[in-house]
PDB file of N, CA and C in Angstrom:
ATOM      1  N   UNK A   1      10.939 -24.694   9.261  1.00  0.00           N
ATOM      2  CA  UNK A   1      10.381 -24.459   7.909  1.00  0.00           C
ATOM      3  C   UNK A   1      11.723 -24.989   6.973  1.00  0.00           C
ATOM      4  N   UNK A   2      12.500 -24.059   7.204  1.00  0.00           N
ATOM      5  CA  UNK A   2      13.802 -23.886   6.310  1.00  0.00           C
ATOM      6  C   UNK A   2      15.010 -25.107   6.562  1.00  0.00           C
ATOM      7  N   UNK A   3      14.725 -25.632   7.890  1.00  0.00           N
ATOM      8  CA  UNK A   3      15.904 -26.461   8.299  1.00  0.00           C
ATOM      9  C   UNK A   3      15.726 -27.902   7.586  1.00  0.00           C
ATOM     10  N   UNK A   4      14.481 -28.327   7.708  1.00  0.00           N
ATOM     11  CA  UNK A   4      13.958 -29.501   6.867  1.00  0.00           C
ATOM     12  C   UNK A   4      14.336 -29.132   5.580  1.00  0.00           C
ATOM     13  N   UNK A   5      13.948 -28.419   4.703  1.00  0.00           N
ATOM     14  CA  UNK A   5      14.171 -28.159   3.608  1.00  0.00           C
ATOM     15  C   UNK A   5      15.746 -28.135   3.143  1.00  0.00           C
ATOM     16  N   UNK A   6      16.731 -27.477   3.881  1.00  0.00           N
ATOM     17  CA  UNK A   6      17.947 -27.529   3.611  1.00  0.00           C
ATOM     18  C   UNK A   6      18.468 -29.229   3.870  1.00  0.00           C
ATOM     19  N   UNK A   7      17.948 -30.109   4.850  1.00  0.00           N
ATOM     20  CA  UNK A   7      18.577 -31.208   5.038  1.00  0.00           C
ATOM     21  C   UNK A   7      17.766 -32.198   3.733  1.00  0.00           C
ATOM     22  N   UNK A   8      16.829 -31.936   3.476  1.00  0.00           N
ATOM     23  CA  UNK A   8      16.506 -32.734   1.887  1.00  0.00           C
ATOM     24  C   UNK A   8      17.643 -32.206   0.956  1.00  0.00           C
ATOM     25  N   UNK A   9      17.501 -31.010   0.734  1.00  0.00           N
ATOM     26  CA  UNK A   9      18.174 -30.273  -0.414  1.00  0.00           C
ATOM     27  C   UNK A   9      20.051 -30.789  -0.375  1.00  0.00           C
ATOM     28  N   UNK A  10      20.399 -30.987   0.802  1.00  0.00           N
ATOM     29  CA  UNK A  10      22.016 -31.565   0.970  1.00  0.00           C
ATOM     30  C   UNK A  10      21.835 -32.809   0.903  1.00  0.00           C
ATOM     31  N   UNK A  11      20.774 -33.529   1.329  1.00  0.00           N
ATOM     32  CA  UNK A  11      21.193 -35.271   0.939  1.00  0.00           C
ATOM     33  C   UNK A  11      20.896 -35.620  -0.459  1.00  0.00           C
ATOM     34  N   UNK A  12      19.968 -34.398  -0.983  1.00  0.00           N
ATOM     35  CA  UNK A  12      20.156 -34.910  -2.496  1.00  0.00           C
ATOM     36  C   UNK A  12      21.077 -34.662  -3.404  1.00  0.00           C
ATOM     37  N   UNK A  13      22.034 -33.378  -2.974  1.00  0.00           N
ATOM     38  CA  UNK A  13      23.063 -32.716  -3.772  1.00  0.00           C
ATOM     39  C   UNK A  13      24.188 -34.075  -3.731  1.00  0.00           C
ATOM     40  N   UNK A  14      24.242 -34.532  -2.312  1.00  0.00           N
ATOM     41  CA  UNK A  14      25.283 -35.465  -2.091  1.00  0.00           C
ATOM     42  C   UNK A  14      25.139 -36.670  -2.936  1.00  0.00           C
ATOM     43  N   UNK A  15      23.915 -37.196  -3.153  1.00  0.00           N
ATOM     44  CA  UNK A  15      23.125 -38.503  -3.681  1.00  0.00           C
ATOM     45  C   UNK A  15      23.407 -38.069  -5.314  1.00  0.00           C
ATOM     46  N   UNK A  16      23.817 -36.804  -5.503  1.00  0.00           N
ATOM     47  CA  UNK A  16      23.950 -36.168  -7.160  1.00  0.00           C
ATOM     48  C   UNK A  16      25.328 -36.428  -7.461  1.00  0.00           C
ATOM     49  N   UNK A  17      25.968 -36.068  -6.155  1.00  0.00           N
ATOM     50  CA  UNK A  17      27.593 -36.068  -6.756  1.00  0.00           C
ATOM     51  C   UNK A  17      27.967 -37.115  -6.861  1.00  0.00           C
ATOM     52  N   UNK A  18      27.471 -38.344  -5.647  1.00  0.00           N
ATOM     53  CA  UNK A  18      27.935 -39.654  -5.815  1.00  0.00           C
ATOM     54  C   UNK A  18      27.482 -40.350  -6.871  1.00  0.00           C
ATOM     55  N   UNK A  19      26.350 -40.424  -7.439  1.00  0.00           N
ATOM     56  CA  UNK A  19      25.849 -41.449  -7.959  1.00  0.00           C
ATOM     57  C   UNK A  19      25.522 -40.621  -9.361  1.00  0.00           C
ATOM     58  N   UNK A  20      25.372 -39.457  -9.688  1.00  0.00           N
ATOM     59  CA  UNK A  20      24.796 -39.091 -10.902  1.00  0.00           C
ATOM     60  C   UNK A  20      25.205 -37.900 -11.530  1.00  0.00           C
ATOM     61  N   UNK A  21      26.498 -37.443 -11.142  1.00  0.00           N
ATOM     62  CA  UNK A  21      26.905 -36.259 -11.667  1.00  0.00           C
ATOM     63  C   UNK A  21      26.562 -34.942 -11.084  1.00  0.00           C
ATOM     64  N   UNK A  22      27.009 -33.608 -11.354  1.00  0.00           N
ATOM     65  CA  UNK A  22      26.520 -32.472 -10.476  1.00  0.00           C
ATOM     66  C   UNK A  22      26.291 -31.624 -11.762  1.00  0.00           C
ATOM     67  N   UNK A  23      25.177 -31.230 -12.282  1.00  0.00           N
ATOM     68  CA  UNK A  23      24.794 -30.053 -13.077  1.00  0.00           C
ATOM     69  C   UNK A  23      23.921 -29.245 -12.330  1.00  0.00           C
ATOM     70  N   UNK A  24      24.631 -28.338 -11.885  1.00  0.00           N
ATOM     71  CA  UNK A  24      24.112 -27.305 -10.958  1.00  0.00           C
ATOM     72  C   UNK A  24      22.467 -26.385 -11.438  1.00  0.00           C
ATOM     73  N   UNK A  25      22.875 -26.360 -12.888  1.00  0.00           N
ATOM     74  CA  UNK A  25      21.775 -25.239 -13.492  1.00  0.00           C
ATOM     75  C   UNK A  25      20.415 -26.141 -13.753  1.00  0.00           C
ATOM     76  N   UNK A  26      20.669 -27.622 -14.392  1.00  0.00           N
ATOM     77  CA  UNK A  26      19.424 -28.591 -14.258  1.00  0.00           C
ATOM     78  C   UNK A  26      19.054 -29.013 -13.118  1.00  0.00           C
ATOM     79  N   UNK A  27      19.880 -29.102 -11.913  1.00  0.00           N
ATOM     80  CA  UNK A  27      18.925 -28.927 -10.814  1.00  0.00           C
ATOM     81  C   UNK A  27      18.637 -28.310 -10.179  1.00  0.00           C
ATOM     82  N   UNK A  28      18.836 -27.000 -10.330  1.00  0.00           N
ATOM     83  CA  UNK A  28      17.784 -25.837  -9.980  1.00  0.00           C
ATOM     84  C   UNK A  28      16.505 -25.915 -10.901  1.00  0.00           C
ATOM     85  N   UNK A  29      16.469 -25.826 -11.972  1.00  0.00           N
ATOM     86  CA  UNK A  29      15.303 -25.564 -12.592  1.00  0.00           C
ATOM     87  C   UNK A  29      14.508 -27.074 -12.199  1.00  0.00           C
ATOM     88  N   UNK A  30      14.862 -28.022 -11.934  1.00  0.00           N
ATOM     89  CA  UNK A  30      14.387 -29.370 -11.498  1.00  0.00           C
ATOM     90  C   UNK A  30      13.961 -29.028 -10.262  1.00  0.00           C
ATOM     91  N   UNK A  31      14.311 -28.327  -9.482  1.00  0.00           N
ATOM     92  CA  UNK A  31      13.949 -28.548  -7.837  1.00  0.00           C
ATOM     93  C   UNK A  31      12.928 -26.977  -8.031  1.00  0.00           C
ATOM     94  N   UNK A  32      12.996 -26.054  -8.882  1.00  0.00           N
ATOM     95  CA  UNK A  32      11.787 -24.990  -8.824  1.00  0.00           C
ATOM     96  C   UNK A  32      10.807 -25.827  -9.678  1.00  0.00           C
ATOM     97  N   UNK A  33      10.884 -26.605 -10.600  1.00  0.00           N
ATOM     98  CA  UNK A  33       9.624 -27.219 -11.018  1.00  0.00           C
ATOM     99  C   UNK A  33       8.957 -28.583 -10.162  1.00  0.00           C
ATOM    100  N   UNK A  34       9.817 -28.978  -9.283  1.00  0.00           N
ATOM    101  CA  UNK A  34       9.295 -29.967  -7.984  1.00  0.00           C
ATOM    102  C   UNK A  34       8.658 -28.885  -6.961  1.00  0.00           C
ATOM    103  N   UNK A  35       9.107 -27.935  -6.877  1.00  0.00           N
ATOM    104  CA  UNK A  35       8.231 -27.027  -5.903  1.00  0.00           C
ATOM    105  C   UNK A  35       7.125 -26.530  -6.341  1.00  0.00           C
ATOM    106  N   UNK A  36       6.950 -26.094  -7.490  1.00  0.00           N
ATOM    107  CA  UNK A  36       5.796 -25.627  -8.235  1.00  0.00           C
ATOM    108  C   UNK A  36       4.702 -27.056  -8.316  1.00  0.00           C
ATOM    109  N   UNK A  37       5.080 -28.255  -8.919  1.00  0.00           N
ATOM    110  CA  UNK A  37       4.306 -28.867  -8.825  1.00  0.00           C
ATOM    111  C   UNK A  37       3.672 -29.442  -7.375  1.00  0.00           C
ATOM    112  N   UNK A  38       4.598 -29.327  -6.515  1.00  0.00           N
ATOM    113  CA  UNK A  38       4.070 -29.792  -4.902  1.00  0.00           C
ATOM    114  C   UNK A  38       3.212 -28.636  -4.426  1.00  0.00           C
ATOM    115  N   UNK A  39       3.414 -27.382  -4.916  1.00  0.00           N
ATOM    116  CA  UNK A  39       2.673 -26.329  -4.306  1.00  0.00           C
ATOM    117  C   UNK A  39       1.224 -26.360  -5.151  1.00  0.00           C
ATOM    118  N   UNK A  40       1.285 -26.724  -6.474  1.00  0.00           N
ATOM    119  CA  UNK A  40      -0.099 -27.034  -7.196  1.00  0.00           C
ATOM    120  C   UNK A  40      -0.743 -28.218  -6.546  1.00  0.00           C
ATOM    121  N   UNK A  41      -0.064 -29.458  -5.942  1.00  0.00           N
ATOM    122  CA  UNK A  41      -0.610 -30.445  -5.328  1.00  0.00           C
ATOM    123  C   UNK A  41      -1.571 -30.188  -4.162  1.00  0.00           C
ATOM    124  N   UNK A  42      -0.833 -29.451  -3.521  1.00  0.00           N
ATOM    125  CA  UNK A  42      -1.509 -28.812  -2.368  1.00  0.00           C
ATOM    126  C   UNK A  42      -2.430 -28.114  -2.169  1.00  0.00           C
ATOM    127  N   UNK A  43      -2.473 -26.990  -3.339  1.00  0.00           N
ATOM    128  CA  UNK A  43      -3.544 -26.392  -3.689  1.00  0.00           C
ATOM    129  C   UNK A  43      -4.720 -26.941  -4.308  1.00  0.00           C
ATOM    130  N   UNK A  44      -4.475 -27.969  -4.916  1.00  0.00           N
ATOM    131  CA  UNK A  44      -5.507 -28.904  -5.277  1.00  0.00           C
ATOM    132  C   UNK A  44      -6.439 -29.509  -4.047  1.00  0.00           C
ATOM    133  N   UNK A  45      -5.599 -30.037  -3.067  1.00  0.00           N
ATOM    134  CA  UNK A  45      -5.856 -30.946  -2.061  1.00  0.00           C
ATOM    135  C   UNK A  45      -6.386 -29.722  -1.224  1.00  0.00           C
ATOM    136  N   UNK A  46      -6.245 -28.646  -0.850  1.00  0.00           N
ATOM    137  CA  UNK A  46      -7.093 -28.107   0.169  1.00  0.00           C
ATOM    138  C   UNK A  46      -8.390 -27.623  -0.689  1.00  0.00           C
ATOM    139  N   UNK A  47      -8.423 -27.339  -1.532  1.00  0.00           N
ATOM    140  CA  UNK A  47      -9.508 -26.881  -2.500  1.00  0.00           C
ATOM    141  C   UNK A  47     -10.436 -27.892  -2.293  1.00  0.00           C
ATOM    142  N   UNK A  48     -10.101 -29.074  -2.620  1.00  0.00           N
ATOM    143  CA  UNK A  48     -11.102 -30.708  -2.408  1.00  0.00           C
ATOM    144  C   UNK A  48     -11.489 -30.485  -1.260  1.00  0.00           C
ATOM    145  N   UNK A  49     -10.565 -30.355  -0.216  1.00  0.00           N
ATOM    146  CA  UNK A  49     -11.132 -30.784   0.936  1.00  0.00           C
ATOM    147  C   UNK A  49     -12.423 -29.443   1.631  1.00  0.00           C
ATOM    148  N   UNK A  50     -11.705 -28.135   1.059  1.00  0.00           N
ATOM    149  CA  UNK A  50     -12.719 -27.069   1.487  1.00  0.00           C
ATOM    150  C   UNK A  50     -14.151 -27.336   0.833  1.00  0.00           C
ATOM    151  N   UNK A  51     -13.998 -27.904  -0.455  1.00  0.00           N
ATOM    152  CA  UNK A  51     -15.288 -28.213  -0.935  1.00  0.00           C
ATOM    153  C   UNK A  51     -16.223 -29.082  -0.690  1.00  0.00           C
ATOM    154  N   UNK A  52     -15.498 -30.236  -0.174  1.00  0.00           N
ATOM    155  CA  UNK A  52     -16.278 -31.255   0.230  1.00  0.00           C
ATOM    156  C   UNK A  52     -16.828 -31.466   1.369  1.00  0.00           C
ATOM    157  N   UNK A  53     -16.855 -30.207   2.369  1.00  0.00           N
ATOM    158  CA  UNK A  53     -16.972 -30.358   3.618  1.00  0.00           C
ATOM    159  C   UNK A  53     -18.364 -30.475   3.907  1.00  0.00           C
ATOM    160  N   UNK A  54     -19.309 -29.669   2.953  1.00  0.00           N
ATOM    161  CA  UNK A  54     -20.763 -29.343   3.227  1.00  0.00           C
ATOM    162  C   UNK A  54     -21.516 -30.221   1.975  1.00  0.00           C
ATOM    163  N   UNK A  55     -20.983 -30.929   1.203  1.00  0.00           N
ATOM    164  CA  UNK A  55     -21.720 -31.504   0.017  1.00  0.00           C
ATOM    165  C   UNK A  55     -22.055 -32.882   0.519  1.00  0.00           C
ATOM    166  N   UNK A  56     -23.267 -33.326  -0.011  1.00  0.00           N
ATOM    167  CA  UNK A  56     -23.897 -34.656   0.370  1.00  0.00           C
ATOM    168  C   UNK A  56     -22.665 -35.891   0.095  1.00  0.00           C
ATOM    169  N   UNK A  57     -22.915 -36.690   0.954  1.00  0.00           N
ATOM    170  CA  UNK A  57     -21.795 -38.108   1.096  1.00  0.00           C
ATOM    171  C   UNK A  57     -21.609 -38.767  -0.420  1.00  0.00           C
ATOM    172  N   UNK A  58     -23.003 -38.815  -1.043  1.00  0.00           N
ATOM    173  CA  UNK A  58     -22.554 -39.824  -2.516  1.00  0.00           C
ATOM    174  C   UNK A  58     -22.247 -39.097  -3.472  1.00  0.00           C
ATOM    175  N   UNK A  59     -22.305 -37.665  -3.372  1.00  0.00           N
ATOM    176  CA  UNK A  59     -21.519 -37.115  -4.274  1.00  0.00           C
ATOM    177  C   UNK A  59     -20.187 -36.793  -3.937  1.00  0.00           C
ATOM    178  N   UNK A  60     -19.832 -36.749  -2.863  1.00  0.00           N
ATOM    179  CA  UNK A  60     -18.486 -36.433  -2.585  1.00  0.00           C
ATOM    180  C   UNK A  60     -17.688 -37.558  -2.570  1.00  0.00           C
ATOM    181  N   UNK A  61     -17.991 -38.633  -2.656  1.00  0.00           N
ATOM    182  CA  UNK A  61     -17.290 -39.762  -2.649  1.00  0.00           C
ATOM    183  C   UNK A  61     -16.429 -39.986  -4.071  1.00  0.00           C
ATOM    184  N   UNK A  62     -17.240 -39.826  -4.772  1.00  0.00           N
ATOM    185  CA  UNK A  62     -17.145 -39.882  -6.183  1.00  0.00           C
ATOM    186  C   UNK A  62     -16.279 -38.791  -6.868  1.00  0.00           C
ATOM    187  N   UNK A  63     -16.604 -37.601  -6.199  1.00  0.00           N
ATOM    188  CA  UNK A  63     -15.770 -36.399  -6.498  1.00  0.00           C
ATOM    189  C   UNK A  63     -14.365 -36.474  -6.209  1.00  0.00           C
ATOM    190  N   UNK A  64     -14.195 -36.754  -4.834  1.00  0.00           N
ATOM    191  CA  UNK A  64     -13.060 -36.859  -4.098  1.00  0.00           C
ATOM    192  C   UNK A  64     -12.128 -37.827  -5.200  1.00  0.00           C
ATOM    193  N   UNK A  65     -12.556 -38.862  -5.288  1.00  0.00           N
ATOM    194  CA  UNK A  65     -12.076 -40.094  -5.882  1.00  0.00           C
ATOM    195  C   UNK A  65     -11.317 -39.568  -7.546  1.00  0.00           C
ATOM    196  N   UNK A  66     -12.194 -38.964  -8.115  1.00  0.00           N
ATOM    197  CA  UNK A  66     -11.804 -38.258  -9.499  1.00  0.00           C
ATOM    198  C   UNK A  66     -10.623 -36.980  -9.205  1.00  0.00           C
ATOM    199  N   UNK A  67     -10.996 -36.112  -8.014  1.00  0.00           N
ATOM    200  CA  UNK A  67      -9.634 -35.254  -7.870  1.00  0.00           C
ATOM    201  C   UNK A  67      -8.519 -36.005  -7.257  1.00  0.00           C
ATOM    202  N   UNK A  68      -8.666 -37.011  -6.667  1.00  0.00           N
ATOM    203  CA  UNK A  68      -7.329 -37.959  -6.166  1.00  0.00           C
ATOM    204  C   UNK A  68      -6.899 -38.389  -7.101  1.00  0.00           C
ATOM    205  N   UNK A  69      -7.224 -38.731  -8.526  1.00  0.00           N
ATOM    206  CA  UNK A  69      -6.684 -39.221  -9.687  1.00  0.00           C
ATOM    207  C   UNK A  69      -5.933 -37.848 -10.454  1.00  0.00           C
ATOM    208  N   UNK A  70      -6.425 -36.798 -10.132  1.00  0.00           N
ATOM    209  CA  UNK A  70      -6.085 -35.531 -10.977  1.00  0.00           C
ATOM    210  C   UNK A  70      -5.027 -35.150 -10.157  1.00  0.00           C
ATOM    211  N   UNK A  71      -5.084 -35.126  -8.899  1.00  0.00           N
ATOM    212  CA  UNK A  71      -3.697 -34.845  -8.160  1.00  0.00           C
ATOM    213  C   UNK A  71      -2.420 -35.565  -8.577  1.00  0.00           C
ATOM    214  N   UNK A  72      -2.612 -37.193  -8.540  1.00  0.00           N
ATOM    215  CA  UNK A  72      -1.772 -37.931  -8.763  1.00  0.00           C
ATOM    216  C   UNK A  72      -1.140 -37.877 -10.736  1.00  0.00           C
ATOM    217  N   UNK A  73      -2.321 -37.287 -11.238  1.00  0.00           N
ATOM    218  CA  UNK A  73      -1.927 -37.049 -12.899  1.00  0.00           C
ATOM    219  C   UNK A  73      -1.113 -36.094 -12.906  1.00  0.00           C
ATOM    220  N   UNK A  74      -1.094 -35.012 -11.973  1.00  0.00           N
ATOM    221  CA  UNK A  74      -0.148 -33.785 -12.042  1.00  0.00           C
ATOM    222  C   UNK A  74       1.106 -34.249 -11.667  1.00  0.00           C
ATOM    223  N   UNK A  75       1.144 -34.910 -10.650  1.00  0.00           N
ATOM    224  CA  UNK A  75       2.767 -35.374  -9.984  1.00  0.00           C
ATOM    225  C   UNK A  75       3.205 -36.380 -11.451  1.00  0.00           C
ATOM    226  N   UNK A  76       2.354 -37.253 -11.854  1.00  0.00           N
ATOM    227  CA  UNK A  76       2.968 -38.186 -12.865  1.00  0.00           C
ATOM    228  C   UNK A  76       3.233 -37.148 -14.169  1.00  0.00           C
ATOM    229  N   UNK A  77       2.610 -36.056 -14.393  1.00  0.00           N
ATOM    230  CA  UNK A  77       3.010 -35.342 -15.561  1.00  0.00           C
ATOM    231  C   UNK A  77       4.248 -34.579 -15.645  1.00  0.00           C
ATOM    232  N   UNK A  78       4.304 -34.497 -14.023  1.00  0.00           N
ATOM    233  CA  UNK A  78       5.685 -33.713 -13.508  1.00  0.00           C
ATOM    234  C   UNK A  78       6.710 -34.335 -14.089  1.00  0.00           C
ATOM    235  N   UNK A  79       6.772 -35.787 -13.168  1.00  0.00           N
ATOM    236  CA  UNK A  79       7.925 -36.748 -13.748  1.00  0.00           C
ATOM    237  C   UNK A  79       8.081 -36.963 -14.849  1.00  0.00           C
ATOM    238  N   UNK A  80       7.211 -36.971 -15.954  1.00  0.00           N
ATOM    239  CA  UNK A  80       7.062 -37.395 -17.243  1.00  0.00           C
ATOM    240  C   UNK A  80       8.128 -36.081 -17.865  1.00  0.00           C
ATOM    241  N   UNK A  81       7.499 -34.781 -17.825  1.00  0.00           N
ATOM    242  CA  UNK A  81       8.566 -33.647 -18.114  1.00  0.00           C
ATOM    243  C   UNK A  81       9.685 -33.639 -17.880  1.00  0.00           C
ATOM    244  N   UNK A  82      10.022 -34.095 -16.628  1.00  0.00           N
ATOM    245  CA  UNK A  82      11.468 -34.090 -16.063  1.00  0.00           C
ATOM    246  C   UNK A  82      12.290 -35.112 -16.974  1.00  0.00           C
ATOM    247  N   UNK A  83      11.449 -36.211 -17.533  1.00  0.00           N
ATOM    248  CA  UNK A  83      12.263 -37.430 -18.000  1.00  0.00           C
ATOM    249  C   UNK A  83      12.517 -37.118 -19.519  1.00  0.00           C
ATOM    250  N   UNK A  84      11.589 -36.188 -20.068  1.00  0.00           N
ATOM    251  CA  UNK A  84      11.768 -35.456 -21.577  1.00  0.00           C
ATOM    252  C   UNK A  84      12.526 -34.618 -21.863  1.00  0.00           C
ATOM    253  N   UNK A  85      12.346 -33.885 -20.799  1.00  0.00           N
ATOM    254  CA  UNK A  85      12.975 -32.622 -20.978  1.00  0.00           C
ATOM    255  C   UNK A  85      14.247 -32.400 -20.325  1.00  0.00           C
ATOM    256  N   UNK A  86      15.521 -32.601 -20.976  1.00  0.00           N
ATOM    257  CA  UNK A  86      16.923 -32.576 -20.392  1.00  0.00           C
ATOM    258  C   UNK A  86      17.194 -31.560 -19.295  1.00  0.00           C
ATOM    259  N   UNK A  87      16.639 -30.258 -19.506  1.00  0.00           N
ATOM    260  CA  UNK A  87      16.943 -28.983 -18.641  1.00  0.00           C
ATOM    261  C   UNK A  87      16.530 -29.031 -17.371  1.00  0.00           C
ATOM    262  N   UNK A  88      15.788 -30.153 -16.863  1.00  0.00           N
ATOM    263  CA  UNK A  88      14.726 -30.316 -15.579  1.00  0.00           C
ATOM    264  C   UNK A  88      15.502 -31.735 -15.039  1.00  0.00           C
ATOM    265  N   UNK A  89      16.336 -31.604 -14.245  1.00  0.00           N
ATOM    266  CA  UNK A  89      16.769 -32.714 -13.652  1.00  0.00           C
ATOM    267  C   UNK A  89      16.006 -33.374 -12.774  1.00  0.00           C
ATOM    268  N   UNK A  90      15.800 -34.921 -12.648  1.00  0.00           N
ATOM    269  CA  UNK A  90      14.719 -35.710 -12.117  1.00  0.00           C
ATOM    270  C   UNK A  90      14.961 -35.657 -10.562  1.00  0.00           C
ATOM    271  N   UNK A  91      16.307 -35.833 -10.180  1.00  0.00           N
ATOM    272  CA  UNK A  91      16.652 -35.545  -8.853  1.00  0.00           C
ATOM    273  C   UNK A  91      16.328 -33.940  -8.166  1.00  0.00           C
ATOM    274  N   UNK A  92      16.653 -33.529  -8.945  1.00  0.00           N
ATOM    275  CA  UNK A  92      16.025 -31.831  -8.301  1.00  0.00           C
ATOM    276  C   UNK A  92      14.707 -31.736  -8.275  1.00  0.00           C
ATOM    277  N   UNK A  93      13.664 -32.481  -9.125  1.00  0.00           N
ATOM    278  CA  UNK A  93      12.553 -32.396  -9.085  1.00  0.00           C
ATOM    279  C   UNK A  93      12.231 -33.075  -7.687  1.00  0.00           C
ATOM    280  N   UNK A  94      12.820 -34.207  -7.634  1.00  0.00           N
ATOM    281  CA  UNK A  94      12.115 -35.119  -6.335  1.00  0.00           C
ATOM    282  C   UNK A  94      12.578 -34.377  -4.945  1.00  0.00           C
ATOM    283  N   UNK A  95      13.644 -33.360  -4.909  1.00  0.00           N
ATOM    284  CA  UNK A  95      14.024 -32.898  -3.801  1.00  0.00           C
ATOM    285  C   UNK A  95      13.097 -31.778  -3.655  1.00  0.00           C
ATOM    286  N   UNK A  96      12.805 -30.884  -4.617  1.00  0.00           N
ATOM    287  CA  UNK A  96      11.713 -29.995  -4.640  1.00  0.00           C
ATOM    288  C   UNK A  96      10.376 -30.353  -4.261  1.00  0.00           C
ATOM    289  N   UNK A  97      10.150 -31.516  -4.636  1.00  0.00           N
ATOM    290  CA  UNK A  97       8.754 -31.902  -4.328  1.00  0.00           C
ATOM    291  C   UNK A  97       8.552 -32.432  -2.797  1.00  0.00           C
ATOM    292  N   UNK A  98       9.727 -32.823  -2.476  1.00  0.00           N
ATOM    293  CA  UNK A  98       9.896 -33.444  -1.237  1.00  0.00           C
ATOM    294  C   UNK A  98      10.147 -32.586  -0.175  1.00  0.00           C
ATOM    295  N   UNK A  99      10.823 -31.456  -0.576  1.00  0.00           N
ATOM    296  CA  UNK A  99      11.400 -30.725   0.316  1.00  0.00           C
ATOM    297  C   UNK A  99      10.120 -29.533   0.623  1.00  0.00           C
ATOM    298  N   UNK A 100       9.124 -29.046  -0.230  1.00  0.00           N
ATOM    299  CA  UNK A 100       7.988 -28.535   0.388  1.00  0.00           C
ATOM    300  C   UNK A 100       7.198 -29.011   1.186  1.00  0.00           C
ATOM    301  N   UNK A 101       6.788 -30.434   0.686  1.00  0.00           N
ATOM    302  CA  UNK A 101       5.875 -31.216   1.401  1.00  0.00           C
ATOM    303  C   UNK A 101       6.430 -31.672   3.127  1.00  0.00           C
ATOM    304  N   UNK A 102       7.805 -31.961   2.959  1.00  0.00           N
ATOM    305  CA  UNK A 102       8.448 -32.014   4.466  1.00  0.00           C
ATOM    306  C   UNK A 102       8.290 -30.499   5.128  1.00  0.00           C
ATOM    307  N   UNK A 103       8.706 -29.484   4.256  1.00  0.00           N
ATOM    308  CA  UNK A 103       8.560 -28.105   5.355  1.00  0.00           C
ATOM    309  C   UNK A 103       6.980 -27.928   5.914  1.00  0.00           C
ATOM    310  N   UNK A 104       6.054 -28.339   4.604  1.00  0.00           N
ATOM    311  CA  UNK A 104       4.535 -27.821   5.261  1.00  0.00           C
ATOM    312  C   UNK A 104       4.271 -28.880   6.097  1.00  0.00           C
ATOM    313  N   UNK A 105       4.334 -30.176   6.436  1.00  0.00           N
ATOM    314  CA  UNK A 105       4.102 -31.089   7.492  1.00  0.00           C
ATOM    315  C   UNK A 105       5.044 -30.665   8.564  1.00  0.00           C
ATOM    316  N   UNK A 106       6.200 -30.615   8.522  1.00  0.00           N
ATOM    317  CA  UNK A 106       7.056 -30.167   9.653  1.00  0.00           C
ATOM    318  C   UNK A 106       6.396 -28.642  10.347  1.00  0.00           C
ATOM    319  N   UNK A 107       5.881 -28.029   9.411  1.00  0.00           N
ATOM    320  CA  UNK A 107       5.226 -26.680  10.191  1.00  0.00           C
ATOM    321  C   UNK A 107       4.084 -26.611  10.804  1.00  0.00           C
ATOM    322  N   UNK A 108       3.444 -27.856  10.357  1.00  0.00           N
ATOM    323  CA  UNK A 108       2.021 -27.947  10.581  1.00  0.00           C
ATOM    324  C   UNK A 108       2.139 -28.860  11.975  1.00  0.00           C
ATOM    325  N   UNK A 109       2.900 -29.726  12.056  1.00  0.00           N
ATOM    326  CA  UNK A 109       3.073 -30.332  13.370  1.00  0.00           C
ATOM    327  C   UNK A 109       3.651 -29.575  14.398  1.00  0.00           C
ATOM    328  N   UNK A 110       4.506 -28.821  14.005  1.00  0.00           N
ATOM    329  CA  UNK A 110       5.474 -28.027  14.853  1.00  0.00           C
ATOM    330  C   UNK A 110       4.307 -26.945  15.784  1.00  0.00           C
ATOM    331  N   UNK A 111       3.529 -26.687  14.867  1.00  0.00           N
ATOM    332  CA  UNK A 111       2.200 -25.581  15.245  1.00  0.00           C
ATOM    333  C   UNK A 111       0.949 -26.426  16.030  1.00  0.00           C
ATOM    334  N   UNK A 112       1.115 -27.831  15.668  1.00  0.00           N
ATOM    335  CA  UNK A 112      -0.105 -28.355  16.086  1.00  0.00           C
ATOM    336  C   UNK A 112      -0.138 -28.594  17.714  1.00  0.00           C
ATOM    337  N   UNK A 113       0.918 -28.853  18.203  1.00  0.00           N
ATOM    338  CA  UNK A 113       1.133 -29.203  19.807  1.00  0.00           C
ATOM    339  C   UNK A 113       0.625 -27.889  20.695  1.00  0.00           C
TER     340      UNK A 113
END
């Protein structure tokens, strides 16, 4: 769980130093914000899956599509906030967002076998 996150964080930090400049405070705040948005996204996804299991098929398709768009809206708002607010680094946001997802998927596939 932690090794995947560390690889993604290290790769993003190298990218920052080479192409964008290194601002550790805004990178940290962007990372925390990215992890928060990713956690909200996974919470919304798990809630949608658990609620849609026993509902009628005709209602579930429309309901899941609307909630699918809502999850992408949350991600888009996270990107927009990072672009507008200078204390949140966009690369830190992406690293945090991807690190949490990779860590969850890595843990899932490792325990699935």
